[in-house]
Every structure is written in structure tokens, then in C-alpha cells.
Amino acid sequence: MSPYAIIATGFGAVFGGMLAVELLARSGRGPFLPVAEALHAVLLVRLGRWLIMLGWLWAGFHFLAR
């Protein structure tokens, strides 16, 4: 198995897990919040806003800067 296939399979598994949690949250059968509500709860706190901003900065520099 090539490294590309392993990475693509890993990203697919992560995306599938995220989709499953979101669907469980929207159906009301799980202990999870939908992504929008969870993000809203995090953004109510000053530390949460800073952590989200730092995460976006890291992702931007890590994936987009060359």
C-alpha cells in the first residue's frame, strides 16, 4: 500500500467519524452537540476565541504557506 493511499484512507476515516458524530448529534440520539452549537459554546469564552484563532493561524501557515 502506498503512502498516499494510507494518508487518503486516514483522512477518509476521520471525515467519516466526523460525519457520524454530526449525524448522531442532529438526530438527538447521542450525547454530542452539532458542530455549530459546539463552536458557539467555545466562542463564548475568551480563551476559546484565542484558541480558535491560533488554530486557524496554524492551519493557514501549515497548509497554505509555501
N, C-alpha and C. Protein backbone atom coordinates (compact mmCIF):
# COMPACT_ATOMS: atom_id res chain seq x y z
N MET A 1 0.85 -1.17 0.00
CA MET A 1 0.00 0.00 0.00
C MET A 1 0.90 1.24 0.00
N SER A 2 0.60 2.18 -0.87
CA SER A 2 1.43 3.37 -0.99
C SER A 2 1.13 4.35 0.15
N PRO A 3 2.10 5.24 0.45
CA PRO A 3 1.86 6.25 1.49
C PRO A 3 0.64 7.13 1.16
N TYR A 4 0.44 7.44 -0.11
CA TYR A 4 -0.72 8.25 -0.50
C TYR A 4 -2.02 7.55 -0.14
N ALA A 5 -2.10 6.27 -0.38
CA ALA A 5 -3.31 5.51 -0.07
C ALA A 5 -3.56 5.45 1.43
N ILE A 6 -2.49 5.31 2.21
CA ILE A 6 -2.63 5.27 3.67
C ILE A 6 -3.15 6.61 4.18
N ILE A 7 -2.57 7.72 3.68
CA ILE A 7 -3.00 9.05 4.11
C ILE A 7 -4.44 9.31 3.69
N ALA A 8 -4.79 8.96 2.45
CA ALA A 8 -6.15 9.18 1.97
C ALA A 8 -7.15 8.34 2.78
N THR A 9 -6.79 7.12 3.14
CA THR A 9 -7.66 6.29 3.96
C THR A 9 -7.83 6.89 5.36
N GLY A 10 -6.75 7.41 5.92
CA GLY A 10 -6.82 8.04 7.24
C GLY A 10 -7.72 9.27 7.23
N PHE A 11 -7.56 10.13 6.21
CA PHE A 11 -8.42 11.31 6.11
C PHE A 11 -9.87 10.90 5.90
N GLY A 12 -10.10 9.86 5.11
CA GLY A 12 -11.46 9.37 4.90
C GLY A 12 -12.08 8.86 6.19
N ALA A 13 -11.29 8.16 6.99
CA ALA A 13 -11.79 7.64 8.27
C ALA A 13 -12.12 8.79 9.22
N VAL A 14 -11.25 9.79 9.28
CA VAL A 14 -11.52 10.95 10.14
C VAL A 14 -12.78 11.68 9.68
N PHE A 15 -12.90 11.90 8.38
CA PHE A 15 -14.08 12.58 7.85
C PHE A 15 -15.34 11.76 8.11
N GLY A 16 -15.27 10.45 7.94
CA GLY A 16 -16.42 9.58 8.22
C GLY A 16 -16.82 9.62 9.68
N GLY A 17 -15.85 9.64 10.57
CA GLY A 17 -16.14 9.75 12.00
C GLY A 17 -16.80 11.07 12.36
N MET A 18 -16.28 12.15 11.76
CA MET A 18 -16.88 13.46 12.00
C MET A 18 -18.31 13.51 11.49
N LEU A 19 -18.54 12.94 10.33
CA LEU A 19 -19.89 12.90 9.76
C LEU A 19 -20.83 12.08 10.63
N ALA A 20 -20.35 10.96 11.15
CA ALA A 20 -21.18 10.11 12.01
C ALA A 20 -21.55 10.84 13.30
N VAL A 21 -20.60 11.54 13.91
CA VAL A 21 -20.88 12.28 15.14
C VAL A 21 -21.87 13.41 14.87
N GLU A 22 -21.71 14.10 13.75
CA GLU A 22 -22.63 15.18 13.40
C GLU A 22 -24.04 14.65 13.17
N LEU A 23 -24.16 13.52 12.48
CA LEU A 23 -25.49 12.94 12.25
C LEU A 23 -26.13 12.46 13.56
N LEU A 24 -25.33 11.88 14.45
CA LEU A 24 -25.86 11.48 15.76
C LEU A 24 -26.31 12.70 16.56
N ALA A 25 -25.55 13.78 16.49
CA ALA A 25 -25.91 14.99 17.22
C ALA A 25 -27.21 15.59 16.69
N ARG A 26 -27.37 15.59 15.38
CA ARG A 26 -28.58 16.18 14.80
C ARG A 26 -29.80 15.29 14.99
N SER A 27 -29.61 13.99 15.16
CA SER A 27 -30.74 13.10 15.39
C SER A 27 -31.21 13.14 16.84
N GLY A 28 -30.35 13.64 17.75
CA GLY A 28 -30.72 13.72 19.16
C GLY A 28 -30.50 12.44 19.92
N ARG A 29 -29.88 11.43 19.31
CA ARG A 29 -29.69 10.14 19.97
C ARG A 29 -28.35 10.02 20.67
N GLY A 30 -27.48 10.99 20.50
CA GLY A 30 -26.16 10.89 21.11
C GLY A 30 -25.92 12.02 22.10
N PRO A 31 -24.86 11.91 22.86
CA PRO A 31 -24.55 12.96 23.84
C PRO A 31 -23.79 14.14 23.24
N PHE A 32 -23.78 14.24 21.92
CA PHE A 32 -22.97 15.23 21.24
C PHE A 32 -23.79 16.45 20.86
N LEU A 33 -23.10 17.59 20.69
CA LEU A 33 -23.70 18.80 20.15
C LEU A 33 -23.36 18.89 18.67
N PRO A 34 -24.26 19.45 17.86
CA PRO A 34 -23.87 19.73 16.47
C PRO A 34 -22.69 20.69 16.44
N VAL A 35 -21.95 20.67 15.36
CA VAL A 35 -20.72 21.47 15.26
C VAL A 35 -21.00 22.95 15.49
N ALA A 36 -22.09 23.47 14.93
CA ALA A 36 -22.40 24.89 15.07
C ALA A 36 -22.63 25.26 16.54
N GLU A 37 -23.34 24.43 17.27
CA GLU A 37 -23.61 24.72 18.69
C GLU A 37 -22.34 24.58 19.53
N ALA A 38 -21.52 23.59 19.23
CA ALA A 38 -20.27 23.42 19.96
C ALA A 38 -19.33 24.59 19.71
N LEU A 39 -19.24 25.02 18.46
CA LEU A 39 -18.39 26.17 18.14
C LEU A 39 -18.91 27.43 18.81
N HIS A 40 -20.22 27.60 18.86
CA HIS A 40 -20.81 28.76 19.54
C HIS A 40 -20.46 28.75 21.03
N ALA A 41 -20.53 27.57 21.66
CA ALA A 41 -20.20 27.46 23.08
C ALA A 41 -18.73 27.80 23.32
N VAL A 42 -17.85 27.37 22.42
CA VAL A 42 -16.41 27.66 22.57
C VAL A 42 -16.15 29.15 22.38
N LEU A 43 -16.84 29.78 21.44
CA LEU A 43 -16.59 31.18 21.14
C LEU A 43 -17.16 32.12 22.19
N LEU A 44 -17.95 31.65 23.13
CA LEU A 44 -18.46 32.49 24.21
C LEU A 44 -17.38 32.83 25.23
N VAL A 45 -16.34 32.03 25.27
CA VAL A 45 -15.26 32.21 26.24
C VAL A 45 -14.06 32.85 25.55
N ARG A 46 -13.43 33.80 26.22
CA ARG A 46 -12.29 34.50 25.61
C ARG A 46 -11.16 33.54 25.23
N LEU A 47 -10.84 32.60 26.10
CA LEU A 47 -9.79 31.63 25.79
C LEU A 47 -10.16 30.80 24.57
N GLY A 48 -11.43 30.45 24.45
CA GLY A 48 -11.89 29.70 23.29
C GLY A 48 -11.69 30.47 22.00
N ARG A 49 -11.98 31.78 22.03
CA ARG A 49 -11.77 32.61 20.83
C ARG A 49 -10.30 32.64 20.45
N TRP A 50 -9.42 32.75 21.45
CA TRP A 50 -7.99 32.77 21.16
C TRP A 50 -7.52 31.43 20.60
N LEU A 51 -8.02 30.34 21.16
CA LEU A 51 -7.60 29.03 20.67
C LEU A 51 -8.09 28.78 19.25
N ILE A 52 -9.31 29.21 18.93
CA ILE A 52 -9.81 29.08 17.56
C ILE A 52 -8.96 29.90 16.61
N MET A 53 -8.62 31.14 17.01
CA MET A 53 -7.80 31.99 16.16
C MET A 53 -6.41 31.38 15.94
N LEU A 54 -5.81 30.85 17.00
CA LEU A 54 -4.50 30.23 16.87
C LEU A 54 -4.57 28.97 16.00
N GLY A 55 -5.66 28.23 16.11
CA GLY A 55 -5.83 27.05 15.26
C GLY A 55 -5.94 27.42 13.79
N TRP A 56 -6.69 28.50 13.49
CA TRP A 56 -6.80 28.96 12.10
C TRP A 56 -5.45 29.45 11.59
N LEU A 57 -4.70 30.17 12.43
CA LEU A 57 -3.37 30.63 12.02
C LEU A 57 -2.45 29.45 11.73
N TRP A 58 -2.46 28.45 12.62
CA TRP A 58 -1.62 27.28 12.41
C TRP A 58 -1.99 26.57 11.13
N ALA A 59 -3.30 26.36 10.91
CA ALA A 59 -3.74 25.67 9.70
C ALA A 59 -3.35 26.45 8.45
N GLY A 60 -3.51 27.77 8.50
CA GLY A 60 -3.15 28.60 7.35
C GLY A 60 -1.67 28.52 7.03
N PHE A 61 -0.84 28.67 8.04
CA PHE A 61 0.60 28.60 7.79
C PHE A 61 1.05 27.20 7.43
N HIS A 62 0.43 26.21 8.04
CA HIS A 62 0.86 24.83 7.84
C HIS A 62 0.46 24.31 6.45
N PHE A 63 -0.77 24.61 6.02
CA PHE A 63 -1.27 24.03 4.79
C PHE A 63 -1.20 24.97 3.58
N LEU A 64 -1.22 26.29 3.81
CA LEU A 64 -1.33 27.20 2.68
C LEU A 64 -0.04 27.95 2.35
N ALA A 65 0.83 28.15 3.31
CA ALA A 65 2.06 28.91 3.05
C ALA A 65 3.10 28.02 2.36
N ARG A 66 3.75 28.60 1.41
CA ARG A 66 4.82 27.87 0.72
C ARG A 66 6.04 28.74 0.64
